[in-house]
């Protein structure tokens, strides 16, 4: 497998995991009554931001080599595929 793709995918996966964990803190606190969970919300949010930043940076630098035209084309192509999947 391509090392650049591995880095981009794994950091994106971890960013998504940390985002979901961060968003789950408040409902989990309300259901369980564990007020101490709030202390971890900011830390998890910062982890999410860090991994998302590394994900975007690796995509722009490794995959697209800072070519803005290719980045715009790739995003437009991704949006077309997403809209096709949603229509089915």
PDB file of N, CA and C in Angstrom:
ATOM      1  N   UNK A   1       0.841  -1.176   0.000  1.00  0.00           N
ATOM      2  CA  UNK A   1       0.000   0.000   0.000  1.00  0.00           C
ATOM      3  C   UNK A   1       0.890   1.245   0.000  1.00  0.00           C
ATOM      4  N   UNK A   2       0.380   2.288  -0.558  1.00  0.00           N
ATOM      5  CA  UNK A   2       1.067   3.564  -0.655  1.00  0.00           C
ATOM      6  C   UNK A   2       1.211   4.192   0.748  1.00  0.00           C
ATOM      7  N   UNK A   3       2.433   4.537   1.175  1.00  0.00           N
ATOM      8  CA  UNK A   3       2.612   5.107   2.520  1.00  0.00           C
ATOM      9  C   UNK A   3       1.861   6.427   2.717  1.00  0.00           C
ATOM     10  N   UNK A   4       1.813   7.256   1.688  1.00  0.00           N
ATOM     11  CA  UNK A   4       1.092   8.530   1.811  1.00  0.00           C
ATOM     12  C   UNK A   4      -0.399   8.289   2.026  1.00  0.00           C
ATOM     13  N   UNK A   5      -0.943   7.316   1.308  1.00  0.00           N
ATOM     14  CA  UNK A   5      -2.360   6.994   1.474  1.00  0.00           C
ATOM     15  C   UNK A   5      -2.621   6.406   2.860  1.00  0.00           C
ATOM     16  N   UNK A   6      -1.701   5.607   3.356  1.00  0.00           N
ATOM     17  CA  UNK A   6      -1.840   5.034   4.693  1.00  0.00           C
ATOM     18  C   UNK A   6      -1.882   6.129   5.758  1.00  0.00           C
ATOM     19  N   UNK A   7      -0.977   7.100   5.650  1.00  0.00           N
ATOM     20  CA  UNK A   7      -0.950   8.207   6.616  1.00  0.00           C
ATOM     21  C   UNK A   7      -2.232   9.017   6.528  1.00  0.00           C
ATOM     22  N   UNK A   8      -2.649   9.342   5.310  1.00  0.00           N
ATOM     23  CA  UNK A   8      -3.856  10.165   5.125  1.00  0.00           C
ATOM     24  C   UNK A   8      -5.090   9.442   5.660  1.00  0.00           C
ATOM     25  N   UNK A   9      -5.226   8.171   5.330  1.00  0.00           N
ATOM     26  CA  UNK A   9      -6.410   7.426   5.783  1.00  0.00           C
ATOM     27  C   UNK A   9      -6.418   7.214   7.297  1.00  0.00           C
ATOM     28  N   UNK A  10      -5.267   6.860   7.850  1.00  0.00           N
ATOM     29  CA  UNK A  10      -5.251   6.565   9.292  1.00  0.00           C
ATOM     30  C   UNK A  10      -5.483   7.832  10.117  1.00  0.00           C
ATOM     31  N   UNK A  11      -4.905   8.959   9.710  1.00  0.00           N
ATOM     32  CA  UNK A  11      -5.157  10.192  10.467  1.00  0.00           C
ATOM     33  C   UNK A  11      -6.603  10.651  10.303  1.00  0.00           C
ATOM     34  N   UNK A  12      -7.182  10.436   9.134  1.00  0.00           N
ATOM     35  CA  UNK A  12      -8.597  10.766   8.946  1.00  0.00           C
ATOM     36  C   UNK A  12      -9.497   9.887   9.791  1.00  0.00           C
ATOM     37  N   UNK A  13      -9.163   8.587   9.857  1.00  0.00           N
ATOM     38  CA  UNK A  13      -9.939   7.673  10.701  1.00  0.00           C
ATOM     39  C   UNK A  13      -9.871   8.082  12.168  1.00  0.00           C
ATOM     40  N   UNK A  14      -8.671   8.421  12.641  1.00  0.00           N
ATOM     41  CA  UNK A  14      -8.528   8.813  14.046  1.00  0.00           C
ATOM     42  C   UNK A  14      -9.216  10.145  14.321  1.00  0.00           C
ATOM     43  N   UNK A  15      -9.172  11.067  13.370  1.00  0.00           N
ATOM     44  CA  UNK A  15      -9.884  12.341  13.556  1.00  0.00           C
ATOM     45  C   UNK A  15     -11.376  12.083  13.718  1.00  0.00           C
ATOM     46  N   UNK A  16     -11.920  11.195  12.891  1.00  0.00           N
ATOM     47  CA  UNK A  16     -13.342  10.870  12.988  1.00  0.00           C
ATOM     48  C   UNK A  16     -13.668  10.173  14.307  1.00  0.00           C
ATOM     49  N   UNK A  17     -12.802   9.264  14.738  1.00  0.00           N
ATOM     50  CA  UNK A  17     -13.030   8.577  16.018  1.00  0.00           C
ATOM     51  C   UNK A  17     -13.035   9.566  17.186  1.00  0.00           C
ATOM     52  N   UNK A  18     -12.048  10.480  17.196  1.00  0.00           N
ATOM     53  CA  UNK A  18     -11.997  11.455  18.281  1.00  0.00           C
ATOM     54  C   UNK A  18     -13.182  12.418  18.223  1.00  0.00           C
ATOM     55  N   UNK A  19     -13.633  12.760  17.015  1.00  0.00           N
ATOM     56  CA  UNK A  19     -14.816  13.616  16.898  1.00  0.00           C
ATOM     57  C   UNK A  19     -16.039  12.931  17.491  1.00  0.00           C
ATOM     58  N   UNK A  20     -16.225  11.664  17.158  1.00  0.00           N
ATOM     59  CA  UNK A  20     -17.374  10.934  17.695  1.00  0.00           C
ATOM     60  C   UNK A  20     -17.288  10.772  19.208  1.00  0.00           C
ATOM     61  N   UNK A  21     -16.095  10.497  19.714  1.00  0.00           N
ATOM     62  CA  UNK A  21     -15.929  10.407  21.172  1.00  0.00           C
ATOM     63  C   UNK A  21     -16.224  11.736  21.855  1.00  0.00           C
ATOM     64  N   UNK A  22     -15.739  12.822  21.259  1.00  0.00           N
ATOM     65  CA  UNK A  22     -15.970  14.148  21.837  1.00  0.00           C
ATOM     66  C   UNK A  22     -17.454  14.481  21.860  1.00  0.00           C
ATOM     67  N   UNK A  23     -18.147  14.174  20.763  1.00  0.00           N
ATOM     68  CA  UNK A  23     -19.574  14.472  20.691  1.00  0.00           C
ATOM     69  C   UNK A  23     -20.407  13.559  21.589  1.00  0.00           C
ATOM     70  N   UNK A  24     -19.873  12.409  21.944  1.00  0.00           N
ATOM     71  CA  UNK A  24     -20.614  11.474  22.792  1.00  0.00           C
ATOM     72  C   UNK A  24     -20.495  11.791  24.274  1.00  0.00           C
ATOM     73  N   UNK A  25     -19.609  12.698  24.649  1.00  0.00           N
ATOM     74  CA  UNK A  25     -19.380  12.982  26.072  1.00  0.00           C
ATOM     75  C   UNK A  25     -20.639  13.516  26.753  1.00  0.00           C
ATOM     76  N   UNK A  26     -21.264  14.538  26.185  1.00  0.00           N
ATOM     77  CA  UNK A  26     -22.420  15.159  26.847  1.00  0.00           C
ATOM     78  C   UNK A  26     -23.595  14.190  26.996  1.00  0.00           C
ATOM     79  N   UNK A  27     -24.025  13.487  25.931  1.00  0.00           N
ATOM     80  CA  UNK A  27     -25.123  12.530  26.136  1.00  0.00           C
ATOM     81  C   UNK A  27     -24.771  11.425  27.135  1.00  0.00           C
ATOM     82  N   UNK A  28     -23.523  10.959  27.094  1.00  0.00           N
ATOM     83  CA  UNK A  28     -23.108   9.926  28.035  1.00  0.00           C
ATOM     84  C   UNK A  28     -23.132  10.447  29.472  1.00  0.00           C
ATOM     85  N   UNK A  29     -22.720  11.697  29.642  1.00  0.00           N
ATOM     86  CA  UNK A  29     -22.743  12.308  30.976  1.00  0.00           C
ATOM     87  C   UNK A  29     -24.184  12.449  31.468  1.00  0.00           C
ATOM     88  N   UNK A  30     -25.081  12.837  30.564  1.00  0.00           N
ATOM     89  CA  UNK A  30     -26.479  13.008  30.962  1.00  0.00           C
ATOM     90  C   UNK A  30     -27.129  11.682  31.322  1.00  0.00           C
ATOM     91  N   UNK A  31     -26.797  10.633  30.612  1.00  0.00           N
ATOM     92  CA  UNK A  31     -27.390   9.322  30.867  1.00  0.00           C
ATOM     93  C   UNK A  31     -26.826   8.694  32.143  1.00  0.00           C
ATOM     94  N   UNK A  32     -25.496   8.783  32.300  1.00  0.00           N
ATOM     95  CA  UNK A  32     -24.866   8.099  33.432  1.00  0.00           C
ATOM     96  C   UNK A  32     -24.743   8.964  34.677  1.00  0.00           C
ATOM     97  N   UNK A  33     -24.756  10.283  34.502  1.00  0.00           N
ATOM     98  CA  UNK A  33     -24.580  11.183  35.625  1.00  0.00           C
ATOM     99  C   UNK A  33     -23.132  11.385  36.032  1.00  0.00           C
ATOM    100  N   UNK A  34     -22.190  10.911  35.227  1.00  0.00           N
ATOM    101  CA  UNK A  34     -20.771  11.070  35.521  1.00  0.00           C
ATOM    102  C   UNK A  34     -20.308  12.452  35.101  1.00  0.00           C
ATOM    103  N   UNK A  35     -20.302  13.375  36.028  1.00  0.00           N
ATOM    104  CA  UNK A  35     -19.908  14.756  35.721  1.00  0.00           C
ATOM    105  C   UNK A  35     -18.423  14.870  35.398  1.00  0.00           C
ATOM    106  N   UNK A  36     -17.630  13.908  35.830  1.00  0.00           N
ATOM    107  CA  UNK A  36     -16.186  13.974  35.593  1.00  0.00           C
ATOM    108  C   UNK A  36     -15.810  13.773  34.125  1.00  0.00           C
ATOM    109  N   UNK A  37     -16.741  13.307  33.297  1.00  0.00           N
ATOM    110  CA  UNK A  37     -16.451  13.115  31.882  1.00  0.00           C
ATOM    111  C   UNK A  37     -16.191  14.433  31.162  1.00  0.00           C
ATOM    112  N   UNK A  38     -16.754  15.511  31.670  1.00  0.00           N
ATOM    113  CA  UNK A  38     -16.602  16.817  31.021  1.00  0.00           C
ATOM    114  C   UNK A  38     -15.134  17.235  30.971  1.00  0.00           C
ATOM    115  N   UNK A  39     -14.351  16.800  31.933  1.00  0.00           N
ATOM    116  CA  UNK A  39     -12.923  17.161  31.949  1.00  0.00           C
ATOM    117  C   UNK A  39     -12.187  16.662  30.713  1.00  0.00           C
ATOM    118  N   UNK A  40     -12.653  15.583  30.121  1.00  0.00           N
ATOM    119  CA  UNK A  40     -11.970  14.980  28.978  1.00  0.00           C
ATOM    120  C   UNK A  40     -12.446  15.523  27.633  1.00  0.00           C
ATOM    121  N   UNK A  41     -13.546  16.268  27.632  1.00  0.00           N
ATOM    122  CA  UNK A  41     -14.125  16.730  26.369  1.00  0.00           C
ATOM    123  C   UNK A  41     -13.181  17.648  25.610  1.00  0.00           C
ATOM    124  N   UNK A  42     -12.580  18.615  26.268  1.00  0.00           N
ATOM    125  CA  UNK A  42     -11.669  19.538  25.593  1.00  0.00           C
ATOM    126  C   UNK A  42     -10.438  18.806  25.066  1.00  0.00           C
ATOM    127  N   UNK A  43      -9.886  17.902  25.866  1.00  0.00           N
ATOM    128  CA  UNK A  43      -8.711  17.150  25.446  1.00  0.00           C
ATOM    129  C   UNK A  43      -9.026  16.321  24.196  1.00  0.00           C
ATOM    130  N   UNK A  44     -10.169  15.645  24.188  1.00  0.00           N
ATOM    131  CA  UNK A  44     -10.552  14.855  23.029  1.00  0.00           C
ATOM    132  C   UNK A  44     -10.796  15.746  21.812  1.00  0.00           C
ATOM    133  N   UNK A  45     -11.381  16.924  22.027  1.00  0.00           N
ATOM    134  CA  UNK A  45     -11.582  17.872  20.935  1.00  0.00           C
ATOM    135  C   UNK A  45     -10.270  18.347  20.342  1.00  0.00           C
ATOM    136  N   UNK A  46      -9.276  18.566  21.199  1.00  0.00           N
ATOM    137  CA  UNK A  46      -7.961  18.962  20.704  1.00  0.00           C
ATOM    138  C   UNK A  46      -7.282  17.826  19.953  1.00  0.00           C
ATOM    139  N   UNK A  47      -7.449  16.601  20.411  1.00  0.00           N
ATOM    140  CA  UNK A  47      -6.919  15.454  19.671  1.00  0.00           C
ATOM    141  C   UNK A  47      -7.571  15.375  18.291  1.00  0.00           C
ATOM    142  N   UNK A  48      -8.881  15.587  18.259  1.00  0.00           N
ATOM    143  CA  UNK A  48      -9.605  15.560  16.986  1.00  0.00           C
ATOM    144  C   UNK A  48      -9.060  16.630  16.043  1.00  0.00           C
ATOM    145  N   UNK A  49      -8.876  17.843  16.546  1.00  0.00           N
ATOM    146  CA  UNK A  49      -8.341  18.926  15.725  1.00  0.00           C
ATOM    147  C   UNK A  49      -6.944  18.590  15.214  1.00  0.00           C
ATOM    148  N   UNK A  50      -6.092  18.052  16.080  1.00  0.00           N
ATOM    149  CA  UNK A  50      -4.733  17.705  15.687  1.00  0.00           C
ATOM    150  C   UNK A  50      -4.729  16.667  14.570  1.00  0.00           C
ATOM    151  N   UNK A  51      -5.488  15.589  14.730  1.00  0.00           N
ATOM    152  CA  UNK A  51      -5.509  14.547  13.707  1.00  0.00           C
ATOM    153  C   UNK A  51      -6.151  15.046  12.417  1.00  0.00           C
ATOM    154  N   UNK A  52      -7.168  15.898  12.509  1.00  0.00           N
ATOM    155  CA  UNK A  52      -7.763  16.466  11.297  1.00  0.00           C
ATOM    156  C   UNK A  52      -6.765  17.367  10.580  1.00  0.00           C
ATOM    157  N   UNK A  53      -5.989  18.134  11.336  1.00  0.00           N
ATOM    158  CA  UNK A  53      -4.970  18.996  10.741  1.00  0.00           C
ATOM    159  C   UNK A  53      -3.880  18.173  10.059  1.00  0.00           C
ATOM    160  N   UNK A  54      -3.429  17.125  10.697  1.00  0.00           N
ATOM    161  CA  UNK A  54      -2.421  16.251  10.092  1.00  0.00           C
ATOM    162  C   UNK A  54      -3.003  15.554   8.857  1.00  0.00           C
ATOM    163  N   UNK A  55      -4.275  15.167   8.925  1.00  0.00           N
ATOM    164  CA  UNK A  55      -4.937  14.529   7.790  1.00  0.00           C
ATOM    165  C   UNK A  55      -4.968  15.463   6.580  1.00  0.00           C
ATOM    166  N   UNK A  56      -5.426  16.685   6.777  1.00  0.00           N
ATOM    167  CA  UNK A  56      -5.499  17.647   5.674  1.00  0.00           C
ATOM    168  C   UNK A  56      -4.102  17.999   5.174  1.00  0.00           C
ATOM    169  N   UNK A  57      -3.172  18.167   6.088  1.00  0.00           N
ATOM    170  CA  UNK A  57      -1.797  18.494   5.689  1.00  0.00           C
ATOM    171  C   UNK A  57      -1.167  17.372   4.865  1.00  0.00           C
ATOM    172  N   UNK A  58      -1.385  16.133   5.273  1.00  0.00           N
ATOM    173  CA  UNK A  58      -0.812  15.011   4.513  1.00  0.00           C
ATOM    174  C   UNK A  58      -1.490  14.871   3.158  1.00  0.00           C
ATOM    175  N   UNK A  59      -2.795  15.136   3.093  1.00  0.00           N
ATOM    176  CA  UNK A  59      -3.503  15.088   1.811  1.00  0.00           C
ATOM    177  C   UNK A  59      -2.962  16.147   0.858  1.00  0.00           C
ATOM    178  N   UNK A  60      -2.833  17.366   1.356  1.00  0.00           N
ATOM    179  CA  UNK A  60      -2.373  18.474   0.512  1.00  0.00           C
ATOM    180  C   UNK A  60      -0.918  18.291   0.107  1.00  0.00           C
ATOM    181  N   UNK A  61      -0.071  17.832   1.014  1.00  0.00           N
ATOM    182  CA  UNK A  61       1.358  17.756   0.706  1.00  0.00           C
ATOM    183  C   UNK A  61       1.742  16.449   0.005  1.00  0.00           C
ATOM    184  N   UNK A  62       1.357  15.309   0.549  1.00  0.00           N
ATOM    185  CA  UNK A  62       1.778  14.026  -0.015  1.00  0.00           C
ATOM    186  C   UNK A  62       0.982  13.646  -1.250  1.00  0.00           C
ATOM    187  N   UNK A  63      -0.339  13.776  -1.165  1.00  0.00           N
ATOM    188  CA  UNK A  63      -1.210  13.271  -2.223  1.00  0.00           C
ATOM    189  C   UNK A  63      -1.345  14.260  -3.378  1.00  0.00           C
ATOM    190  N   UNK A  64      -1.518  15.534  -3.070  1.00  0.00           N
ATOM    191  CA  UNK A  64      -1.765  16.531  -4.114  1.00  0.00           C
ATOM    192  C   UNK A  64      -0.570  17.424  -4.418  1.00  0.00           C
ATOM    193  N   UNK A  65       0.505  17.290  -3.664  1.00  0.00           N
ATOM    194  CA  UNK A  65       1.758  18.032  -3.865  1.00  0.00           C
ATOM    195  C   UNK A  65       1.479  19.533  -4.033  1.00  0.00           C
ATOM    196  N   UNK A  66       0.619  20.079  -3.186  1.00  0.00           N
ATOM    197  CA  UNK A  66       0.309  21.510  -3.114  1.00  0.00           C
ATOM    198  C   UNK A  66      -0.249  22.074  -4.418  1.00  0.00           C
ATOM    199  N   UNK A  67      -0.834  21.246  -5.277  1.00  0.00           N
ATOM    200  CA  UNK A  67      -1.427  21.709  -6.531  1.00  0.00           C
ATOM    201  C   UNK A  67      -2.908  22.035  -6.287  1.00  0.00           C
ATOM    202  N   UNK A  68      -3.197  23.327  -6.233  1.00  0.00           N
ATOM    203  CA  UNK A  68      -4.551  23.780  -5.889  1.00  0.00           C
ATOM    204  C   UNK A  68      -5.566  23.307  -6.931  1.00  0.00           C
ATOM    205  N   UNK A  69      -5.191  23.314  -8.186  1.00  0.00           N
ATOM    206  CA  UNK A  69      -6.098  22.852  -9.237  1.00  0.00           C
ATOM    207  C   UNK A  69      -6.507  21.406  -9.053  1.00  0.00           C
ATOM    208  N   UNK A  70      -5.533  20.543  -8.744  1.00  0.00           N
ATOM    209  CA  UNK A  70      -5.840  19.129  -8.499  1.00  0.00           C
ATOM    210  C   UNK A  70      -6.687  18.941  -7.247  1.00  0.00           C
ATOM    211  N   UNK A  71      -6.437  19.753  -6.240  1.00  0.00           N
ATOM    212  CA  UNK A  71      -7.221  19.658  -5.005  1.00  0.00           C
ATOM    213  C   UNK A  71      -8.685  19.994  -5.285  1.00  0.00           C
ATOM    214  N   UNK A  72      -8.922  21.072  -6.024  1.00  0.00           N
ATOM    215  CA  UNK A  72     -10.293  21.481  -6.358  1.00  0.00           C
ATOM    216  C   UNK A  72     -10.980  20.405  -7.196  1.00  0.00           C
ATOM    217  N   UNK A  73     -10.272  19.842  -8.175  1.00  0.00           N
ATOM    218  CA  UNK A  73     -10.845  18.776  -9.002  1.00  0.00           C
ATOM    219  C   UNK A  73     -11.188  17.549  -8.164  1.00  0.00           C
ATOM    220  N   UNK A  74     -10.297  17.185  -7.251  1.00  0.00           N
ATOM    221  CA  UNK A  74     -10.528  16.009  -6.417  1.00  0.00           C
ATOM    222  C   UNK A  74     -11.722  16.213  -5.489  1.00  0.00           C
ATOM    223  N   UNK A  75     -11.844  17.401  -4.918  1.00  0.00           N
ATOM    224  CA  UNK A  75     -12.988  17.691  -4.040  1.00  0.00           C
ATOM    225  C   UNK A  75     -14.285  17.703  -4.835  1.00  0.00           C
ATOM    226  N   UNK A  76     -14.255  18.283  -6.029  1.00  0.00           N
ATOM    227  CA  UNK A  76     -15.461  18.294  -6.869  1.00  0.00           C
ATOM    228  C   UNK A  76     -15.852  16.875  -7.256  1.00  0.00           C
ATOM    229  N   UNK A  77     -14.873  16.045  -7.583  1.00  0.00           N
ATOM    230  CA  UNK A  77     -15.152  14.654  -7.940  1.00  0.00           C
ATOM    231  C   UNK A  77     -15.719  13.900  -6.739  1.00  0.00           C
ATOM    232  N   UNK A  78     -15.185  14.158  -5.555  1.00  0.00           N
ATOM    233  CA  UNK A  78     -15.685  13.503  -4.344  1.00  0.00           C
ATOM    234  C   UNK A  78     -17.127  13.915  -4.053  1.00  0.00           C
ATOM    235  N   UNK A  79     -17.449  15.180  -4.265  1.00  0.00           N
ATOM    236  CA  UNK A  79     -18.818  15.643  -4.038  1.00  0.00           C
ATOM    237  C   UNK A  79     -19.783  15.017  -5.034  1.00  0.00           C
ATOM    238  N   UNK A  80     -19.335  14.801  -6.282  1.00  0.00           N
ATOM    239  CA  UNK A  80     -20.193  14.130  -7.263  1.00  0.00           C
ATOM    240  C   UNK A  80     -20.489  12.709  -6.834  1.00  0.00           C
ATOM    241  N   UNK A  81     -19.483  11.989  -6.363  1.00  0.00           N
ATOM    242  CA  UNK A  81     -19.680  10.619  -5.914  1.00  0.00           C
ATOM    243  C   UNK A  81     -20.587  10.584  -4.687  1.00  0.00           C
ATOM    244  N   UNK A  82     -20.421  11.516  -3.789  1.00  0.00           N
ATOM    245  CA  UNK A  82     -21.263  11.567  -2.589  1.00  0.00           C
ATOM    246  C   UNK A  82     -22.715  11.823  -2.954  1.00  0.00           C
ATOM    247  N   UNK A  83     -22.951  12.761  -3.872  1.00  0.00           N
ATOM    248  CA  UNK A  83     -24.333  13.055  -4.256  1.00  0.00           C
ATOM    249  C   UNK A  83     -24.957  11.885  -5.002  1.00  0.00           C
ATOM    250  N   UNK A  84     -24.152  11.126  -5.777  1.00  0.00           N
ATOM    251  CA  UNK A  84     -24.673   9.944  -6.448  1.00  0.00           C
ATOM    252  C   UNK A  84     -25.067   8.872  -5.440  1.00  0.00           C
ATOM    253  N   UNK A  85     -24.266   8.691  -4.411  1.00  0.00           N
ATOM    254  CA  UNK A  85     -24.595   7.702  -3.392  1.00  0.00           C
ATOM    255  C   UNK A  85     -25.853   8.087  -2.620  1.00  0.00           C
ATOM    256  N   UNK A  86     -26.024   9.374  -2.371  1.00  0.00           N
ATOM    257  CA  UNK A  86     -27.201   9.828  -1.625  1.00  0.00           C
ATOM    258  C   UNK A  86     -28.481   9.680  -2.428  1.00  0.00           C
ATOM    259  N   UNK A  87     -28.383   9.727  -3.756  1.00  0.00           N
ATOM    260  CA  UNK A  87     -29.585   9.658  -4.581  1.00  0.00           C
ATOM    261  C   UNK A  87     -30.112   8.235  -4.698  1.00  0.00           C
ATOM    262  N   UNK A  88     -29.307   7.228  -4.348  1.00  0.00           N
ATOM    263  CA  UNK A  88     -29.750   5.833  -4.471  1.00  0.00           C
ATOM    264  C   UNK A  88     -30.458   5.366  -3.260  1.00  0.00           C
TER     265      UNK A  88
END
